[in-house]
PDB file of all heavy atoms in Angstrom:
ATOM      1  N   PHE A   1     124.674 124.125 103.686  1.00  0.00           N
ATOM      2  CA  PHE A   1     123.304 124.075 104.181  1.00  0.00           C
ATOM      3  C   PHE A   1     122.526 125.247 103.593  1.00  0.00           C
ATOM      4  O   PHE A   1     122.863 126.404 103.833  1.00  0.00           O
ATOM      5  CB  PHE A   1     123.313 124.136 105.710  1.00  0.00           C
ATOM      6  CG  PHE A   1     121.949 124.112 106.343  1.00  0.00           C
ATOM      7  CD1 PHE A   1     120.932 123.318 105.847  1.00  0.00           C
ATOM      8  CD2 PHE A   1     121.689 124.893 107.460  1.00  0.00           C
ATOM      9  CE1 PHE A   1     119.675 123.301 106.439  1.00  0.00           C
ATOM     10  CE2 PHE A   1     120.443 124.891 108.064  1.00  0.00           C
ATOM     11  CZ  PHE A   1     119.433 124.086 107.557  1.00  0.00           C
ATOM     12  N   VAL A   2     121.479 124.943 102.808  1.00  0.00           N
ATOM     13  CA  VAL A   2     120.674 125.975 102.171  1.00  0.00           C
ATOM     14  C   VAL A   2     119.276 125.939 102.758  1.00  0.00           C
ATOM     15  O   VAL A   2     118.537 124.962 102.582  1.00  0.00           O
ATOM     16  CB  VAL A   2     120.621 125.781 100.641  1.00  0.00           C
ATOM     17  CG1 VAL A   2     119.814 126.894  99.993  1.00  0.00           C
ATOM     18  CG2 VAL A   2     122.036 125.755 100.055  1.00  0.00           C
ATOM     19  N   GLU A   3     118.907 126.997 103.468  1.00  0.00           N
ATOM     20  CA  GLU A   3     117.629 127.069 104.188  1.00  0.00           C
ATOM     21  C   GLU A   3     117.237 128.536 104.327  1.00  0.00           C
ATOM     22  O   GLU A   3     118.047 129.349 104.768  1.00  0.00           O
ATOM     23  CB  GLU A   3     117.776 126.406 105.556  1.00  0.00           C
ATOM     24  CG  GLU A   3     116.674 126.700 106.554  1.00  0.00           C
ATOM     25  CD  GLU A   3     115.321 126.155 106.117  1.00  0.00           C
ATOM     26  OE1 GLU A   3     115.196 124.930 105.965  1.00  0.00           O
ATOM     27  OE2 GLU A   3     114.398 126.979 105.926  1.00  0.00           O
ATOM     28  N   ASP A   4     116.002 128.868 103.944  1.00  0.00           N
ATOM     29  CA  ASP A   4     115.599 130.272 103.971  1.00  0.00           C
ATOM     30  C   ASP A   4     115.035 130.721 105.318  1.00  0.00           C
ATOM     31  O   ASP A   4     114.976 131.920 105.588  1.00  0.00           O
ATOM     32  CB  ASP A   4     114.575 130.561 102.861  1.00  0.00           C
ATOM     33  CG  ASP A   4     113.285 129.803 103.051  1.00  0.00           C
ATOM     34  OD1 ASP A   4     113.338 128.634 103.491  1.00  0.00           O
ATOM     35  OD2 ASP A   4     112.212 130.367 102.746  1.00  0.00           O
ATOM     36  N   ASP A   5     114.638 129.802 106.173  1.00  0.00           N
ATOM     37  CA  ASP A   5     114.131 130.167 107.496  1.00  0.00           C
ATOM     38  C   ASP A   5     115.314 130.502 108.401  1.00  0.00           C
ATOM     39  O   ASP A   5     116.153 129.632 108.694  1.00  0.00           O
ATOM     40  CB  ASP A   5     113.307 129.012 108.081  1.00  0.00           C
ATOM     41  CG  ASP A   5     112.648 129.372 109.398  1.00  0.00           C
ATOM     42  OD1 ASP A   5     113.373 129.593 110.382  1.00  0.00           O
ATOM     43  OD2 ASP A   5     111.399 129.419 109.445  1.00  0.00           O
ATOM     44  N   ASP A   6     115.385 131.744 108.848  1.00  0.00           N
ATOM     45  CA  ASP A   6     116.533 132.201 109.635  1.00  0.00           C
ATOM     46  C   ASP A   6     116.729 131.390 110.908  1.00  0.00           C
ATOM     47  O   ASP A   6     117.860 131.035 111.270  1.00  0.00           O
ATOM     48  CB  ASP A   6     116.375 133.681 109.996  1.00  0.00           C
ATOM     49  CG  ASP A   6     116.430 134.585 108.777  1.00  0.00           C
ATOM     50  OD1 ASP A   6     116.939 134.133 107.734  1.00  0.00           O
ATOM     51  OD2 ASP A   6     115.962 135.738 108.862  1.00  0.00           O
ATOM     52  N   VAL A   7     115.629 131.101 111.614  1.00  0.00           N
ATOM     53  CA  VAL A   7     115.730 130.380 112.886  1.00  0.00           C
ATOM     54  C   VAL A   7     116.246 128.962 112.665  1.00  0.00           C
ATOM     55  O   VAL A   7     117.171 128.501 113.348  1.00  0.00           O
ATOM     56  CB  VAL A   7     114.361 130.349 113.601  1.00  0.00           C
ATOM     57  CG1 VAL A   7     114.437 129.468 114.852  1.00  0.00           C
ATOM     58  CG2 VAL A   7     113.917 131.760 113.970  1.00  0.00           C
ATOM     59  N   ILE A   8     115.662 128.258 111.687  1.00  0.00           N
ATOM     60  CA  ILE A   8     116.094 126.886 111.402  1.00  0.00           C
ATOM     61  C   ILE A   8     117.535 126.871 110.916  1.00  0.00           C
ATOM     62  O   ILE A   8     118.341 126.028 111.329  1.00  0.00           O
ATOM     63  CB  ILE A   8     115.171 126.235 110.351  1.00  0.00           C
ATOM     64  CG1 ILE A   8     113.756 126.072 110.914  1.00  0.00           C
ATOM     65  CG2 ILE A   8     115.722 124.877 109.907  1.00  0.00           C
ATOM     66  CD1 ILE A   8     112.753 125.540 109.920  1.00  0.00           C
ATOM     67  N   ARG A   9     117.875 127.822 110.044  1.00  0.00           N
ATOM     68  CA  ARG A   9     119.221 127.851 109.483  1.00  0.00           C
ATOM     69  C   ARG A   9     120.268 128.056 110.581  1.00  0.00           C
ATOM     70  O   ARG A   9     121.269 127.335 110.643  1.00  0.00           O
ATOM     71  CB  ARG A   9     119.331 128.956 108.427  1.00  0.00           C
ATOM     72  CG  ARG A   9     120.667 128.940 107.683  1.00  0.00           C
ATOM     73  CD  ARG A   9     120.710 129.959 106.557  1.00  0.00           C
ATOM     74  NE  ARG A   9     120.629 131.335 107.037  1.00  0.00           N
ATOM     75  CZ  ARG A   9     119.545 132.111 106.918  1.00  0.00           C
ATOM     76  NH1 ARG A   9     118.456 131.658 106.316  1.00  0.00           N
ATOM     77  NH2 ARG A   9     119.550 133.348 107.378  1.00  0.00           N
ATOM     78  N   GLU A  10     120.014 129.038 111.442  1.00  0.00           N
ATOM     79  CA  GLU A  10     120.998 129.345 112.481  1.00  0.00           C
ATOM     80  C   GLU A  10     121.085 128.241 113.525  1.00  0.00           C
ATOM     81  O   GLU A  10     122.191 127.857 113.946  1.00  0.00           O
ATOM     82  CB  GLU A  10     120.650 130.681 113.134  1.00  0.00           C
ATOM     83  CG  GLU A  10     120.807 131.871 112.178  1.00  0.00           C
ATOM     84  CD  GLU A  10     120.261 133.163 112.754  1.00  0.00           C
ATOM     85  OE1 GLU A  10     119.915 133.165 113.962  1.00  0.00           O
ATOM     86  OE2 GLU A  10     120.186 134.160 112.019  1.00  0.00           O
ATOM     87  N   ALA A  11     119.932 127.693 113.929  1.00  0.00           N
ATOM     88  CA  ALA A  11     119.930 126.641 114.950  1.00  0.00           C
ATOM     89  C   ALA A  11     120.599 125.376 114.429  1.00  0.00           C
ATOM     90  O   ALA A  11     121.375 124.720 115.142  1.00  0.00           O
ATOM     91  CB  ALA A  11     118.498 126.340 115.394  1.00  0.00           C
ATOM     92  N   THR A  12     120.296 125.025 113.190  1.00  0.00           N
ATOM     93  CA  THR A  12     120.877 123.808 112.609  1.00  0.00           C
ATOM     94  C   THR A  12     122.374 123.978 112.387  1.00  0.00           C
ATOM     95  O   THR A  12     123.157 123.049 112.637  1.00  0.00           O
ATOM     96  CB  THR A  12     120.183 123.467 111.275  1.00  0.00           C
ATOM     97  OG1 THR A  12     118.774 123.313 111.492  1.00  0.00           O
ATOM     98  CG2 THR A  12     120.740 122.172 110.690  1.00  0.00           C
ATOM     99  N   GLN A  13     122.774 125.150 111.946  1.00  0.00           N
ATOM    100  CA  GLN A  13     124.206 125.393 111.756  1.00  0.00           C
ATOM    101  C   GLN A  13     124.952 125.224 113.070  1.00  0.00           C
ATOM    102  O   GLN A  13     125.995 124.568 113.125  1.00  0.00           O
ATOM    103  CB  GLN A  13     124.446 126.791 111.185  1.00  0.00           C
ATOM    104  CG  GLN A  13     125.932 127.103 110.997  1.00  0.00           C
ATOM    105  CD  GLN A  13     126.180 128.457 110.337  1.00  0.00           C
ATOM    106  OE1 GLN A  13     125.226 129.182 110.031  1.00  0.00           O
ATOM    107  NE2 GLN A  13     127.424 128.796 110.108  1.00  0.00           N
ATOM    108  N   LEU A  14     124.425 125.807 114.150  1.00  0.00           N
ATOM    109  CA  LEU A  14     125.066 125.685 115.453  1.00  0.00           C
ATOM    110  C   LEU A  14     125.132 124.235 115.911  1.00  0.00           C
ATOM    111  O   LEU A  14     126.152 123.775 116.439  1.00  0.00           O
ATOM    112  CB  LEU A  14     124.319 126.530 116.487  1.00  0.00           C
ATOM    113  CG  LEU A  14     124.473 128.049 116.363  1.00  0.00           C
ATOM    114  CD1 LEU A  14     123.545 128.753 117.339  1.00  0.00           C
ATOM    115  CD2 LEU A  14     125.926 128.457 116.600  1.00  0.00           C
ATOM    116  N   ALA A  15     124.036 123.484 115.684  1.00  0.00           N
ATOM    117  CA  ALA A  15     123.996 122.086 116.105  1.00  0.00           C
ATOM    118  C   ALA A  15     125.026 121.257 115.332  1.00  0.00           C
ATOM    119  O   ALA A  15     125.729 120.415 115.910  1.00  0.00           O
ATOM    120  CB  ALA A  15     122.594 121.518 115.882  1.00  0.00           C
ATOM    121  N   LEU A  16     125.134 121.506 114.034  1.00  0.00           N
ATOM    122  CA  LEU A  16     126.093 120.756 113.229  1.00  0.00           C
ATOM    123  C   LEU A  16     127.530 121.117 113.614  1.00  0.00           C
ATOM    124  O   LEU A  16     128.409 120.249 113.673  1.00  0.00           O
ATOM    125  CB  LEU A  16     125.867 121.030 111.749  1.00  0.00           C
ATOM    126  CG  LEU A  16     124.570 120.472 111.144  1.00  0.00           C
ATOM    127  CD1 LEU A  16     124.429 120.918 109.693  1.00  0.00           C
ATOM    128  CD2 LEU A  16     124.536 118.957 111.235  1.00  0.00           C
ATOM    129  N   GLU A  17     127.755 122.390 113.885  1.00  0.00           N
ATOM    130  CA  GLU A  17     129.101 122.814 114.289  1.00  0.00           C
ATOM    131  C   GLU A  17     129.483 122.216 115.636  1.00  0.00           C
ATOM    132  O   GLU A  17     130.650 121.868 115.858  1.00  0.00           O
ATOM    133  CB  GLU A  17     129.179 124.339 114.316  1.00  0.00           C
ATOM    134  CG  GLU A  17     129.158 124.957 112.914  1.00  0.00           C
ATOM    135  CD  GLU A  17     129.085 126.471 112.914  1.00  0.00           C
ATOM    136  OE1 GLU A  17     128.739 127.044 113.973  1.00  0.00           O
ATOM    137  OE2 GLU A  17     129.359 127.076 111.861  1.00  0.00           O
ATOM    138  N   ARG A  18     128.516 122.072 116.528  1.00  0.00           N
ATOM    139  CA  ARG A  18     128.797 121.428 117.817  1.00  0.00           C
ATOM    140  C   ARG A  18     129.208 119.973 117.627  1.00  0.00           C
ATOM    141  O   ARG A  18     129.951 119.423 118.443  1.00  0.00           O
ATOM    142  CB  ARG A  18     127.577 121.518 118.734  1.00  0.00           C
ATOM    143  CG  ARG A  18     127.404 122.866 119.412  1.00  0.00           C
ATOM    144  CD  ARG A  18     126.481 122.773 120.607  1.00  0.00           C
ATOM    145  NE  ARG A  18     125.148 122.330 120.207  1.00  0.00           N
ATOM    146  CZ  ARG A  18     124.152 123.139 119.859  1.00  0.00           C
ATOM    147  NH1 ARG A  18     124.342 124.453 119.869  1.00  0.00           N
ATOM    148  NH2 ARG A  18     122.979 122.660 119.524  1.00  0.00           N
ATOM    149  N   ASP A  19     128.705 119.357 116.554  1.00  0.00           N
ATOM    150  CA  ASP A  19     129.059 117.970 116.270  1.00  0.00           C
ATOM    151  C   ASP A  19     130.319 117.846 115.429  1.00  0.00           C
ATOM    152  O   ASP A  19     130.646 116.762 114.959  1.00  0.00           O
ATOM    153  CB  ASP A  19     127.893 117.274 115.557  1.00  0.00           C
ATOM    154  CG  ASP A  19     126.904 116.670 116.542  1.00  0.00           C
ATOM    155  OD1 ASP A  19     127.202 115.577 117.049  1.00  0.00           O
ATOM    156  OD2 ASP A  19     125.866 117.286 116.809  1.00  0.00           O
ATOM    157  N   GLY A  20     131.012 118.968 115.215  1.00  0.00           N
ATOM    158  CA  GLY A  20     132.301 118.915 114.559  1.00  0.00           C
ATOM    159  C   GLY A  20     132.318 119.187 113.067  1.00  0.00           C
ATOM    160  O   GLY A  20     133.363 119.063 112.426  1.00  0.00           O
ATOM    161  N   PHE A  21     131.170 119.574 112.504  1.00  0.00           N
ATOM    162  CA  PHE A  21     131.116 119.885 111.078  1.00  0.00           C
ATOM    163  C   PHE A  21     131.461 121.354 110.840  1.00  0.00           C
ATOM    164  O   PHE A  21     131.174 122.214 111.672  1.00  0.00           O
ATOM    165  CB  PHE A  21     129.718 119.615 110.510  1.00  0.00           C
ATOM    166  CG  PHE A  21     129.300 118.172 110.549  1.00  0.00           C
ATOM    167  CD1 PHE A  21     128.495 117.693 111.577  1.00  0.00           C
ATOM    168  CD2 PHE A  21     129.713 117.285 109.566  1.00  0.00           C
ATOM    169  CE1 PHE A  21     128.106 116.369 111.623  1.00  0.00           C
ATOM    170  CE2 PHE A  21     129.327 115.957 109.598  1.00  0.00           C
ATOM    171  CZ  PHE A  21     128.525 115.491 110.632  1.00  0.00           C
ATOM    172  N   ALA A  22     132.061 121.620 109.698  1.00  0.00           N
ATOM    173  CA  ALA A  22     132.221 122.998 109.232  1.00  0.00           C
ATOM    174  C   ALA A  22     131.029 123.291 108.328  1.00  0.00           C
ATOM    175  O   ALA A  22     130.721 122.503 107.427  1.00  0.00           O
ATOM    176  CB  ALA A  22     133.524 123.157 108.466  1.00  0.00           C
ATOM    177  N   VAL A  23     130.331 124.386 108.563  1.00  0.00           N
ATOM    178  CA  VAL A  23     129.075 124.644 107.871  1.00  0.00           C
ATOM    179  C   VAL A  23     129.107 125.976 107.139  1.00  0.00           C
ATOM    180  O   VAL A  23     129.472 127.005 107.708  1.00  0.00           O
ATOM    181  CB  VAL A  23     127.884 124.646 108.860  1.00  0.00           C
ATOM    182  CG1 VAL A  23     126.568 124.869 108.115  1.00  0.00           C
ATOM    183  CG2 VAL A  23     127.828 123.329 109.640  1.00  0.00           C
ATOM    184  N   THR A  24     128.710 125.938 105.873  1.00  0.00           N
ATOM    185  CA  THR A  24     128.424 127.151 105.123  1.00  0.00           C
ATOM    186  C   THR A  24     126.921 127.195 104.932  1.00  0.00           C
ATOM    187  O   THR A  24     126.347 126.308 104.290  1.00  0.00           O
ATOM    188  CB  THR A  24     129.117 127.145 103.741  1.00  0.00           C
ATOM    189  OG1 THR A  24     130.532 127.114 103.921  1.00  0.00           O
ATOM    190  CG2 THR A  24     128.730 128.385 102.939  1.00  0.00           C
ATOM    191  N   ALA A  25     126.270 128.195 105.527  1.00  0.00           N
ATOM    192  CA  ALA A  25     124.810 128.290 105.488  1.00  0.00           C
ATOM    193  C   ALA A  25     124.384 129.432 104.576  1.00  0.00           C
ATOM    194  O   ALA A  25     124.871 130.557 104.718  1.00  0.00           O
ATOM    195  CB  ALA A  25     124.257 128.493 106.896  1.00  0.00           C
ATOM    196  N   MET A  26     123.468 129.140 103.655  1.00  0.00           N
ATOM    197  CA  MET A  26     122.985 130.128 102.703  1.00  0.00           C
ATOM    198  C   MET A  26     121.454 130.190 102.726  1.00  0.00           C
ATOM    199  O   MET A  26     120.792 129.173 102.933  1.00  0.00           O
ATOM    200  CB  MET A  26     123.478 129.793 101.293  1.00  0.00           C
ATOM    201  CG  MET A  26     124.973 129.936 101.124  1.00  0.00           C
ATOM    202  SD  MET A  26     125.476 131.664 101.338  1.00  0.00           S
ATOM    203  CE  MET A  26     127.277 131.516 101.243  1.00  0.00           C
ATOM    204  N   PRO A  27     120.880 131.396 102.478  1.00  0.00           N
ATOM    205  CA  PRO A  27     119.433 131.574 102.614  1.00  0.00           C
ATOM    206  C   PRO A  27     118.632 131.316 101.343  1.00  0.00           C
ATOM    207  O   PRO A  27     117.404 131.339 101.390  1.00  0.00           O
ATOM    208  CB  PRO A  27     119.314 133.043 103.035  1.00  0.00           C
ATOM    209  CG  PRO A  27     120.461 133.707 102.315  1.00  0.00           C
ATOM    210  CD  PRO A  27     121.574 132.701 102.332  1.00  0.00           C
ATOM    211  N   ASP A  28     119.289 131.105 100.207  1.00  0.00           N
ATOM    212  CA  ASP A  28     118.537 130.911  98.966  1.00  0.00           C
ATOM    213  C   ASP A  28     119.354 130.050  97.999  1.00  0.00           C
ATOM    214  O   ASP A  28     120.546 129.820  98.202  1.00  0.00           O
ATOM    215  CB  ASP A  28     118.192 132.253  98.314  1.00  0.00           C
ATOM    216  CG  ASP A  28     119.434 133.076  97.978  1.00  0.00           C
ATOM    217  OD1 ASP A  28     120.095 132.753  96.980  1.00  0.00           O
ATOM    218  OD2 ASP A  28     119.740 134.031  98.723  1.00  0.00           O
ATOM    219  N   GLY A  29     118.683 129.590  96.945  1.00  0.00           N
ATOM    220  CA  GLY A  29     119.311 128.659  96.038  1.00  0.00           C
ATOM    221  C   GLY A  29     120.455 129.230  95.224  1.00  0.00           C
ATOM    222  O   GLY A  29     121.459 128.549  94.988  1.00  0.00           O
ATOM    223  N   LEU A  30     120.338 130.476  94.801  1.00  0.00           N
ATOM    224  CA  LEU A  30     121.388 131.069  93.979  1.00  0.00           C
ATOM    225  C   LEU A  30     122.683 131.260  94.774  1.00  0.00           C
ATOM    226  O   LEU A  30     123.772 130.970  94.279  1.00  0.00           O
ATOM    227  CB  LEU A  30     120.913 132.398  93.396  1.00  0.00           C
ATOM    228  CG  LEU A  30     119.818 132.288  92.324  1.00  0.00           C
ATOM    229  CD1 LEU A  30     119.328 133.664  91.907  1.00  0.00           C
ATOM    230  CD2 LEU A  30     120.335 131.508  91.111  1.00  0.00           C
ATOM    231  N   SER A  31     122.554 131.748  96.008  1.00  0.00           N
ATOM    232  CA  SER A  31     123.753 131.897  96.837  1.00  0.00           C
ATOM    233  C   SER A  31     124.293 130.516  97.220  1.00  0.00           C
ATOM    234  O   SER A  31     125.508 130.330  97.363  1.00  0.00           O
ATOM    235  CB  SER A  31     123.457 132.720  98.090  1.00  0.00           C
ATOM    236  OG  SER A  31     122.515 132.074  98.924  1.00  0.00           O
ATOM    237  N   GLY A  32     123.399 129.549  97.352  1.00  0.00           N
ATOM    238  CA  GLY A  32     123.829 128.187  97.645  1.00  0.00           C
ATOM    239  C   GLY A  32     124.638 127.601  96.502  1.00  0.00           C
ATOM    240  O   GLY A  32     125.656 126.937  96.717  1.00  0.00           O
ATOM    241  N   LEU A  33     124.202 127.846  95.276  1.00  0.00           N
ATOM    242  CA  LEU A  33     124.933 127.350  94.107  1.00  0.00           C
ATOM    243  C   LEU A  33     126.307 128.002  94.019  1.00  0.00           C
ATOM    244  O   LEU A  33     127.311 127.339  93.733  1.00  0.00           O
ATOM    245  CB  LEU A  33     124.127 127.614  92.837  1.00  0.00           C
ATOM    246  CG  LEU A  33     124.764 127.148  91.519  1.00  0.00           C
ATOM    247  CD1 LEU A  33     124.986 125.635  91.530  1.00  0.00           C
ATOM    248  CD2 LEU A  33     123.886 127.550  90.329  1.00  0.00           C
TER     249      LEU A  33
END
């Protein structure tokens, strides 16, 4: 999950993890790549 907005990134990561996904969240495209 690549998202630069801290609030959206953290909230979405938590929501996906609650649904059983393993999530790697990154704040920019280079770290995402």
